[in-house]
Amino acid sequence: MRKTFFVYWVIFLLATVTLWQCGGSPEGKRKAPGADSLKSEMRRDRMKKEEQEKVPVEVATVKKGDISNFILLSSNLETEIMADVYSRIQGIVEAIHKEEGDYVKKGDLLLTLEAKEYELAEKKANVELQRQQNNYNRLKAMHDKNLLSDEEFETARFALETAEIQWKEAQLNLDYTLIKSPISGRIGERLAKIGRRIQPTDKLFSVVNYNEMIAVVYVPEKNLGQLKLGQKAIVYSDHIPGETFEAWIKRLSPVVDPSSGTFKVTVGVRNKNSKLRPGMFVNVQIIVDTHKDVVLIPKTAIVYENEYMNVYIVRDGIAHKIRLTPGFADNEKVESLKDIVPGDKVIVIGQAGMKDKTPVTVVVERQEEQ
C-alpha cells in the first residue's frame, strides 16, 4: 500500500515539473507575447479613438501690426476733372476720330468738320490783308514826304489792323473745324454723328479723367474737431473685393447744416489702375487715430456670446476660451488689449459651438497678412 502511494506521489511530482518546464519552454515564451500584442493593439485603438474625438480646426498665428480708428460713411463717386465738348462754329461733321471708352490726351483730335468754306474765308481774309498792307506801305511813304495828311494815314493804318484781325479770325475759325479734347481722360459719351450739321450749342462729347475722383460725405457735427485738410482716408467698394484705394480730405466745410446736424467733407480718391468709375457706390473710412505695433486678431476668429467677444487659443492640443478685450477694429482685424500674445495660435475655423478646453487637432495653419 505504501509502495503504491509512493509511486503516485512520484508521478505527481514529475507531472508538476514537466508542466513547469513547458511553461518556461520557447513555445511557452512565444505564447506570452500574444497578450502584450493584444494590449498594444488595444492601446493604439484607444489612442486612435481619442484622436478621432478631437475637433479638427484651422488656426492663424497671432501677429502685431498697425490698426486705425475711423469714421465710416458712404457716398457715390464723382469726378472733378470732366469736360463737355462743344463746337465753336457751325458745320457738318466730316469724321469722328474717337469713340466712347477711348483714352485721349489733352489736344487729341476728336472730330473734324467740313472745312472748305472756312478755308476760302481764310484765303479771302489773307488777300485783303495783303491789299491793305500794300496800301499802307504806299501811303506811309507819301506821309513821310508830307504828301499825305495825318488823317488819311491814320485811316490806312486802321484799315490794315482791321484786315489783320479779320484774317486771324478766319484762321481761328478754320482751326475750329478740328475739334480737340480740352483735357486728358476717357471718352464717357459720344453724341456727334457723321453728316450731321451741328451748332455751337450742340454737345458732341464728354471727357472724364478717372485718375483722381472725389466722394462727398456728410459727417456728424460731433466729429468736427477730429478732421483736418489732408487727413488720411480709405475708400473701398463691395464690387472690388479685397482692394482699397488711398484717399484724403480735400475740402472741409466749416458750416454745419442745422437740419441734419452734419457738415460737408470732400474726400479725394487716387484711382489706381482706373478701377473706380463715376457714380459707383463706395464706403469711406476717414482715419481719426492709429495704434501702432499692437496685437491683432482676425475677425473670423471671434465667437460672440451675448455682448462679449471670445476667441479660442490652441495650447498643447487644447482649445482655451479667452474673452477678448478689444481696442480698435477695422474690416478684417480687432486689436487685443490683453491675455493674447504674438505667436499664439487662434482658431479661425471650427470654433463655432466649441467649449472651453476642448481637445483639437490642427489641420491647417493660415498665414495672416498684416
Protein backbone atom coordinates (compact mmCIF):
# COMPACT_ATOMS: atom_id res chain seq x y z
CA MET A 1 0.00 0.00 0.00
CA ARG A 2 2.80 2.34 0.95
CA LYS A 3 4.60 1.40 -2.25
CA THR A 4 1.57 2.29 -4.36
CA PHE A 5 1.20 5.67 -2.65
CA PHE A 6 4.87 6.41 -3.25
CA VAL A 7 4.50 5.66 -6.97
CA TYR A 8 1.53 8.05 -7.28
CA TRP A 9 3.47 10.72 -5.46
CA VAL A 10 6.45 10.42 -7.83
CA ILE A 11 4.16 10.63 -10.86
CA PHE A 12 2.56 13.81 -9.47
CA LEU A 13 5.94 15.42 -8.93
CA LEU A 14 7.11 14.51 -12.44
CA ALA A 15 3.94 15.94 -13.96
CA THR A 16 4.36 19.16 -11.98
CA VAL A 17 7.98 19.53 -13.11
CA THR A 18 7.02 18.80 -16.69
CA LEU A 19 4.30 21.43 -16.66
CA TRP A 20 6.69 23.97 -15.13
CA GLN A 21 9.29 23.24 -17.80
CA CYS A 22 6.72 23.57 -20.56
CA GLY A 23 5.76 26.98 -19.22
CA GLY A 24 9.39 28.09 -19.48
CA SER A 25 9.99 26.48 -22.86
CA PRO A 26 10.49 28.59 -26.06
CA GLU A 27 7.00 27.57 -27.10
CA GLY A 28 5.58 28.97 -23.88
CA LYS A 29 7.61 32.10 -24.31
CA ARG A 30 6.19 32.53 -27.80
CA LYS A 31 2.66 32.39 -26.43
CA ALA A 32 3.23 35.01 -23.73
CA PRO A 33 3.84 37.97 -26.09
CA GLY A 34 0.38 37.37 -27.57
CA ALA A 35 -1.13 39.11 -24.54
CA ASP A 36 1.28 42.04 -24.88
CA SER A 37 0.42 42.38 -28.58
CA LEU A 38 -3.25 42.46 -27.71
CA LYS A 39 -2.65 45.16 -25.12
CA SER A 40 -0.63 47.24 -27.64
CA GLU A 41 -3.37 46.94 -30.21
CA MET A 42 -5.98 47.97 -27.67
CA ARG A 43 -3.81 50.92 -26.69
CA ARG A 44 -3.48 52.01 -30.33
CA ASP A 45 -7.22 51.69 -30.84
CA ARG A 46 -7.83 53.80 -27.76
CA MET A 47 -5.38 56.49 -28.96
CA LYS A 48 -6.93 56.42 -32.42
CA LYS A 49 -10.37 56.80 -30.93
CA GLU A 50 -9.18 59.69 -28.79
CA GLU A 51 -7.62 61.29 -31.88
CA GLN A 52 -10.86 60.91 -33.81
CA GLU A 53 -12.74 62.58 -30.97
CA LYS A 54 -10.55 65.72 -31.30
CA VAL A 55 -12.15 68.61 -33.20
CA PRO A 56 -10.33 69.47 -36.45
CA VAL A 57 -9.63 73.22 -36.65
CA GLU A 58 -7.86 75.83 -38.74
CA VAL A 59 -5.66 78.31 -36.90
CA ALA A 60 -3.80 81.53 -37.59
CA THR A 61 -0.70 82.81 -35.83
CA VAL A 62 -1.31 85.99 -33.85
CA LYS A 63 0.91 88.85 -35.01
CA LYS A 64 1.47 92.52 -34.33
CA GLY A 65 0.62 95.39 -36.67
CA ASP A 66 -1.00 98.81 -37.02
CA ILE A 67 -4.73 99.44 -36.80
CA SER A 68 -6.77 102.62 -37.09
CA ASN A 69 -9.96 104.04 -35.68
CA PHE A 70 -12.15 105.65 -38.32
CA ILE A 71 -15.45 107.27 -39.20
CA LEU A 72 -17.34 105.06 -41.64
CA LEU A 73 -19.53 106.78 -44.24
CA SER A 74 -20.77 106.05 -47.75
CA SER A 75 -21.14 108.03 -50.95
CA ASN A 76 -21.25 107.89 -54.74
CA LEU A 77 -18.06 108.73 -56.58
CA GLU A 78 -17.76 111.84 -58.71
CA THR A 79 -15.02 113.21 -60.91
CA GLU A 80 -13.78 116.76 -60.64
CA ILE A 81 -11.89 116.76 -63.93
CA MET A 82 -14.63 116.45 -66.52
CA ALA A 83 -15.41 118.41 -69.69
CA ASP A 84 -18.28 118.53 -72.16
CA VAL A 85 -17.04 119.21 -75.68
CA TYR A 86 -18.85 121.68 -77.98
CA SER A 87 -18.00 123.14 -81.36
CA ARG A 88 -17.24 126.87 -81.54
CA ILE A 89 -18.60 127.11 -85.07
CA GLN A 90 -21.39 125.59 -87.05
CA GLY A 91 -20.69 122.98 -89.69
CA ILE A 92 -21.19 119.45 -90.96
CA VAL A 93 -19.44 116.54 -89.22
CA GLU A 94 -16.96 115.04 -91.67
CA ALA A 95 -15.12 112.48 -89.50
CA ILE A 96 -15.18 111.13 -85.92
CA HIS A 97 -11.79 110.07 -84.58
CA LYS A 98 -12.56 108.83 -81.05
CA GLU A 99 -15.23 106.60 -79.56
CA GLU A 100 -16.68 106.03 -76.10
CA GLY A 101 -14.17 104.42 -73.75
CA ASP A 102 -11.13 105.63 -75.71
CA TYR A 103 -8.36 107.31 -73.74
CA VAL A 104 -7.35 110.73 -75.08
CA LYS A 105 -4.72 113.27 -74.14
CA LYS A 106 -5.32 116.99 -74.00
CA GLY A 107 -5.27 118.31 -77.56
CA ASP A 108 -6.04 114.98 -79.26
CA LEU A 109 -8.33 115.26 -82.29
CA LEU A 110 -11.88 114.11 -81.60
CA LEU A 111 -13.88 115.27 -84.60
CA THR A 112 -13.41 117.05 -87.96
CA LEU A 113 -15.90 119.42 -89.61
CA GLU A 114 -16.06 120.13 -93.33
CA ALA A 115 -13.51 122.92 -93.82
CA LYS A 116 -13.87 124.13 -97.44
CA GLU A 117 -16.00 127.14 -96.56
CA TYR A 118 -13.60 128.19 -93.80
CA GLU A 119 -10.54 127.62 -95.99
CA LEU A 120 -11.97 130.02 -98.59
CA ALA A 121 -12.81 132.57 -95.91
CA GLU A 122 -9.22 132.40 -94.61
CA LYS A 123 -7.78 132.91 -98.11
CA LYS A 124 -10.09 135.84 -98.79
CA ALA A 125 -9.08 137.48 -95.49
CA ASN A 126 -5.42 136.91 -96.31
CA VAL A 127 -5.80 138.57 -99.71
CA GLU A 128 -7.49 141.55 -98.12
CA LEU A 129 -4.71 141.77 -95.55
CA GLN A 130 -2.06 141.86 -98.29
CA ARG A 131 -4.01 144.58 -100.15
CA GLN A 132 -4.26 146.72 -97.05
CA GLN A 133 -0.58 146.13 -96.28
CA ASN A 134 0.44 147.35 -99.74
CA ASN A 135 -1.86 150.35 -99.49
CA TYR A 136 -0.48 151.19 -96.05
CA ASN A 137 3.14 150.98 -97.29
CA ARG A 138 2.37 153.30 -100.24
CA LEU A 139 0.54 155.87 -98.10
CA LYS A 140 3.24 155.73 -95.42
CA ALA A 141 5.86 156.70 -97.98
CA MET A 142 3.71 159.63 -99.06
CA HIS A 143 3.11 160.63 -95.44
CA ASP A 144 6.83 160.58 -94.72
CA LYS A 145 7.26 163.12 -97.59
CA ASN A 146 4.43 165.24 -96.24
CA LEU A 147 2.37 164.42 -99.31
CA LEU A 148 -0.46 162.87 -97.24
CA SER A 149 -2.42 164.23 -94.32
CA ASP A 150 -2.24 162.62 -90.91
CA GLU A 151 -5.94 161.82 -91.06
CA GLU A 152 -5.65 159.86 -94.30
CA PHE A 153 -2.60 157.98 -92.97
CA GLU A 154 -4.41 157.04 -89.77
CA THR A 155 -7.34 155.71 -91.81
CA ALA A 156 -4.95 153.48 -93.79
CA ARG A 157 -3.33 152.19 -90.58
CA PHE A 158 -6.70 151.33 -89.04
CA ALA A 159 -7.76 149.53 -92.22
CA LEU A 160 -4.56 147.43 -92.09
CA GLU A 161 -5.14 146.48 -88.45
CA THR A 162 -8.77 145.57 -89.20
CA ALA A 163 -7.71 143.36 -92.12
CA GLU A 164 -5.14 141.63 -89.92
CA ILE A 165 -7.77 140.93 -87.23
CA GLN A 166 -10.19 139.56 -89.81
CA TRP A 167 -7.50 137.28 -91.21
CA LYS A 168 -6.65 135.93 -87.73
CA GLU A 169 -10.35 135.39 -87.06
CA ALA A 170 -10.65 133.41 -90.32
CA GLN A 171 -7.61 131.36 -89.32
CA LEU A 172 -9.17 130.67 -85.94
CA ASN A 173 -12.46 129.54 -87.48
CA LEU A 174 -10.55 127.23 -89.80
CA ASP A 175 -8.70 125.78 -86.81
CA TYR A 176 -12.06 125.27 -85.05
CA THR A 177 -13.04 122.73 -87.71
CA LEU A 178 -10.65 120.42 -85.86
CA ILE A 179 -12.39 119.73 -82.53
CA LYS A 180 -9.88 118.62 -79.90
CA SER A 181 -10.07 117.28 -76.36
CA PRO A 182 -9.75 120.03 -73.71
CA ILE A 183 -8.44 117.57 -71.07
CA SER A 184 -6.83 114.16 -70.75
CA GLY A 185 -9.15 111.32 -69.89
CA ARG A 186 -11.58 108.83 -71.37
CA ILE A 187 -14.50 109.48 -73.67
CA GLY A 188 -17.54 109.00 -71.49
CA GLU A 189 -20.10 109.89 -74.13
CA ARG A 190 -20.12 110.49 -77.89
CA LEU A 191 -23.18 112.31 -79.26
CA ALA A 192 -21.93 113.52 -82.64
CA LYS A 193 -22.85 111.72 -85.87
CA ILE A 194 -21.18 111.88 -89.28
CA GLY A 195 -23.07 114.08 -91.75
CA ARG A 196 -24.99 115.97 -89.11
CA ARG A 197 -24.96 119.76 -89.13
CA ILE A 198 -24.05 120.98 -85.69
CA GLN A 199 -24.40 124.29 -83.91
CA PRO A 200 -22.21 125.75 -81.14
CA THR A 201 -24.92 124.77 -78.64
CA ASP A 202 -24.74 121.07 -79.54
CA LYS A 203 -22.86 118.83 -77.09
CA LEU A 204 -20.55 116.48 -79.01
CA PHE A 205 -18.51 114.55 -76.41
CA SER A 206 -17.95 114.27 -72.68
CA VAL A 207 -14.41 113.53 -71.47
CA VAL A 208 -13.79 112.25 -67.94
CA ASN A 209 -10.48 112.00 -66.11
CA TYR A 210 -10.63 108.96 -63.80
CA ASN A 211 -7.20 109.37 -62.22
CA GLU A 212 -8.47 111.49 -59.35
CA MET A 213 -12.02 111.26 -58.11
CA ILE A 214 -13.97 112.59 -55.16
CA ALA A 215 -16.52 111.28 -52.69
CA VAL A 216 -18.68 113.87 -50.95
CA VAL A 217 -19.73 112.73 -47.47
CA TYR A 218 -21.65 114.35 -44.65
CA VAL A 219 -20.07 113.91 -41.22
CA PRO A 220 -21.87 114.33 -37.87
CA GLU A 221 -21.03 117.62 -36.17
CA LYS A 222 -19.60 115.78 -33.12
CA ASN A 223 -16.63 114.78 -35.31
CA LEU A 224 -15.87 118.31 -36.50
CA GLY A 225 -12.85 118.68 -34.21
CA GLN A 226 -11.34 115.37 -35.37
CA LEU A 227 -10.93 116.30 -39.03
CA LYS A 228 -8.46 118.47 -40.92
CA LEU A 229 -7.33 119.03 -44.50
CA GLY A 230 -5.04 116.32 -45.86
CA GLN A 231 -6.18 113.76 -43.28
CA LYS A 232 -5.90 110.16 -44.49
CA ALA A 233 -8.89 108.11 -45.56
CA ILE A 234 -9.59 104.77 -47.24
CA VAL A 235 -12.17 104.08 -49.94
CA TYR A 236 -13.39 100.65 -50.98
CA SER A 237 -16.23 99.14 -52.99
CA ASP A 238 -18.11 95.89 -52.41
CA HIS A 239 -17.83 95.32 -56.16
CA ILE A 240 -14.00 95.31 -55.99
CA PRO A 241 -13.40 92.85 -53.13
CA GLY A 242 -10.08 92.78 -51.33
CA GLU A 243 -8.89 96.13 -52.67
CA THR A 244 -8.72 99.56 -51.07
CA PHE A 245 -7.91 102.99 -52.52
CA GLU A 246 -5.89 105.76 -50.91
CA ALA A 247 -7.84 108.91 -50.13
CA TRP A 248 -7.54 112.17 -48.18
CA ILE A 249 -9.68 115.08 -47.03
CA LYS A 250 -9.56 117.56 -49.91
CA ARG A 251 -12.09 120.14 -48.77
CA LEU A 252 -13.69 120.70 -45.40
CA SER A 253 -16.79 122.83 -44.98
CA PRO A 254 -16.92 124.87 -41.75
CA VAL A 255 -20.71 125.13 -41.93
CA VAL A 256 -22.98 122.67 -40.08
CA ASP A 257 -26.36 122.03 -41.65
CA PRO A 258 -28.85 122.69 -38.83
CA SER A 259 -31.49 120.38 -40.35
CA SER A 260 -29.23 117.30 -40.48
CA GLY A 261 -26.55 118.15 -37.92
CA THR A 262 -23.81 117.29 -40.42
CA PHE A 263 -21.10 119.14 -42.35
CA LYS A 264 -19.82 118.50 -45.86
CA VAL A 265 -16.45 116.83 -46.41
CA THR A 266 -14.97 116.27 -49.87
CA VAL A 267 -12.64 113.28 -49.98
CA GLY A 268 -10.12 112.96 -52.82
CA VAL A 269 -9.51 109.42 -54.12
CA ARG A 270 -6.49 108.11 -56.04
CA ASN A 271 -7.97 105.80 -58.62
CA LYS A 272 -5.15 103.27 -59.06
CA ASN A 273 -5.47 101.14 -62.20
CA SER A 274 -8.61 103.17 -63.08
CA LYS A 275 -10.89 100.57 -61.49
CA LEU A 276 -13.25 103.10 -59.94
CA ARG A 277 -15.95 104.76 -62.03
CA PRO A 278 -18.09 107.88 -61.55
CA GLY A 279 -21.39 107.06 -59.86
CA MET A 280 -20.02 103.93 -58.14
CA PHE A 281 -21.25 103.44 -54.56
CA VAL A 282 -18.32 103.26 -52.12
CA ASN A 283 -17.57 103.14 -48.41
CA VAL A 284 -15.35 105.89 -46.99
CA GLN A 285 -13.25 105.43 -43.86
CA ILE A 286 -11.83 108.68 -42.52
CA ILE A 287 -8.98 107.73 -40.18
CA VAL A 288 -9.01 109.67 -36.90
CA ASP A 289 -6.37 107.74 -34.88
CA THR A 290 -3.89 104.87 -35.32
CA HIS A 291 -2.43 102.36 -32.83
CA LYS A 292 0.95 101.04 -33.98
CA ASP A 293 2.58 97.67 -33.28
CA VAL A 294 -0.33 96.13 -31.36
CA VAL A 295 -1.67 92.56 -31.11
CA LEU A 296 -4.19 91.91 -33.89
CA ILE A 297 -6.83 89.17 -34.02
CA PRO A 298 -8.60 88.13 -37.26
CA LYS A 299 -12.31 88.87 -37.07
CA THR A 300 -13.01 85.36 -38.34
CA ALA A 301 -11.71 84.03 -35.01
CA ILE A 302 -14.29 85.84 -32.88
CA VAL A 303 -17.21 83.98 -31.30
CA TYR A 304 -19.92 86.27 -29.94
CA GLU A 305 -21.57 85.38 -26.66
CA ASN A 306 -24.18 87.90 -25.58
CA GLU A 307 -22.34 91.23 -25.58
CA TYR A 308 -18.90 89.63 -25.23
CA MET A 309 -16.33 88.56 -27.82
CA ASN A 310 -14.42 85.33 -27.28
CA VAL A 311 -11.60 83.57 -29.10
CA TYR A 312 -10.06 80.12 -28.76
CA ILE A 313 -6.29 79.75 -28.43
CA VAL A 314 -4.73 76.33 -29.06
CA ARG A 315 -2.12 75.28 -26.47
CA ASP A 316 -0.81 71.69 -26.25
CA GLY A 317 -3.69 70.38 -28.33
CA ILE A 318 -6.34 72.03 -26.12
CA ALA A 319 -8.57 74.95 -27.16
CA HIS A 320 -8.65 77.54 -24.38
CA LYS A 321 -11.53 80.01 -24.40
CA ILE A 322 -10.36 83.60 -23.85
CA ARG A 323 -12.59 86.63 -23.53
CA LEU A 324 -11.33 89.27 -25.94
CA THR A 325 -10.67 92.76 -24.63
CA PRO A 326 -10.99 94.75 -27.87
CA GLY A 327 -9.39 98.02 -28.87
CA PHE A 328 -9.59 99.48 -32.38
CA ALA A 329 -11.17 97.40 -35.14
CA ASP A 330 -11.34 97.52 -38.92
CA ASN A 331 -12.95 95.32 -41.56
CA GLU A 332 -10.60 92.38 -41.01
CA LYS A 333 -8.92 92.65 -37.60
CA VAL A 334 -9.52 93.59 -33.96
CA GLU A 335 -6.93 94.90 -31.54
CA SER A 336 -6.48 92.74 -28.41
CA LEU A 337 -5.56 94.67 -25.29
CA LYS A 338 -4.59 91.73 -23.02
CA ASP A 339 -4.29 87.95 -22.45
CA ILE A 340 -3.17 87.18 -26.04
CA VAL A 341 0.43 87.44 -27.22
CA PRO A 342 2.14 87.26 -30.62
CA GLY A 343 2.75 83.65 -31.63
CA ASP A 344 -0.46 82.29 -30.11
CA LYS A 345 -2.49 80.04 -32.40
CA VAL A 346 -6.03 81.37 -32.64
CA ILE A 347 -8.77 79.19 -34.16
CA VAL A 348 -10.35 80.81 -37.23
CA ILE A 349 -12.41 77.83 -38.49
CA GLY A 350 -14.04 75.16 -36.33
CA GLN A 351 -14.64 77.17 -33.16
CA ALA A 352 -18.41 77.59 -33.57
CA GLY A 353 -20.19 75.91 -30.67
CA MET A 354 -16.89 74.90 -29.06
CA LYS A 355 -16.48 74.67 -25.29
CA ASP A 356 -13.51 75.64 -23.17
CA LYS A 357 -10.65 73.09 -23.01
CA THR A 358 -11.90 71.07 -25.97
CA PRO A 359 -9.24 68.72 -27.46
CA VAL A 360 -8.45 69.80 -31.02
CA THR A 361 -6.24 68.82 -33.89
CA VAL A 362 -4.80 71.50 -36.18
CA VAL A 363 -5.34 70.57 -39.82
CA VAL A 364 -4.47 73.92 -41.43
CA GLU A 365 -2.40 76.88 -40.26
CA ARG A 366 -3.37 80.05 -42.11
CA GLN A 367 -0.83 82.71 -42.97
CA GLU A 368 -2.40 86.02 -41.97
CA GLU A 369 -1.16 89.15 -43.73
CA GLN A 370 -0.63 92.23 -41.59
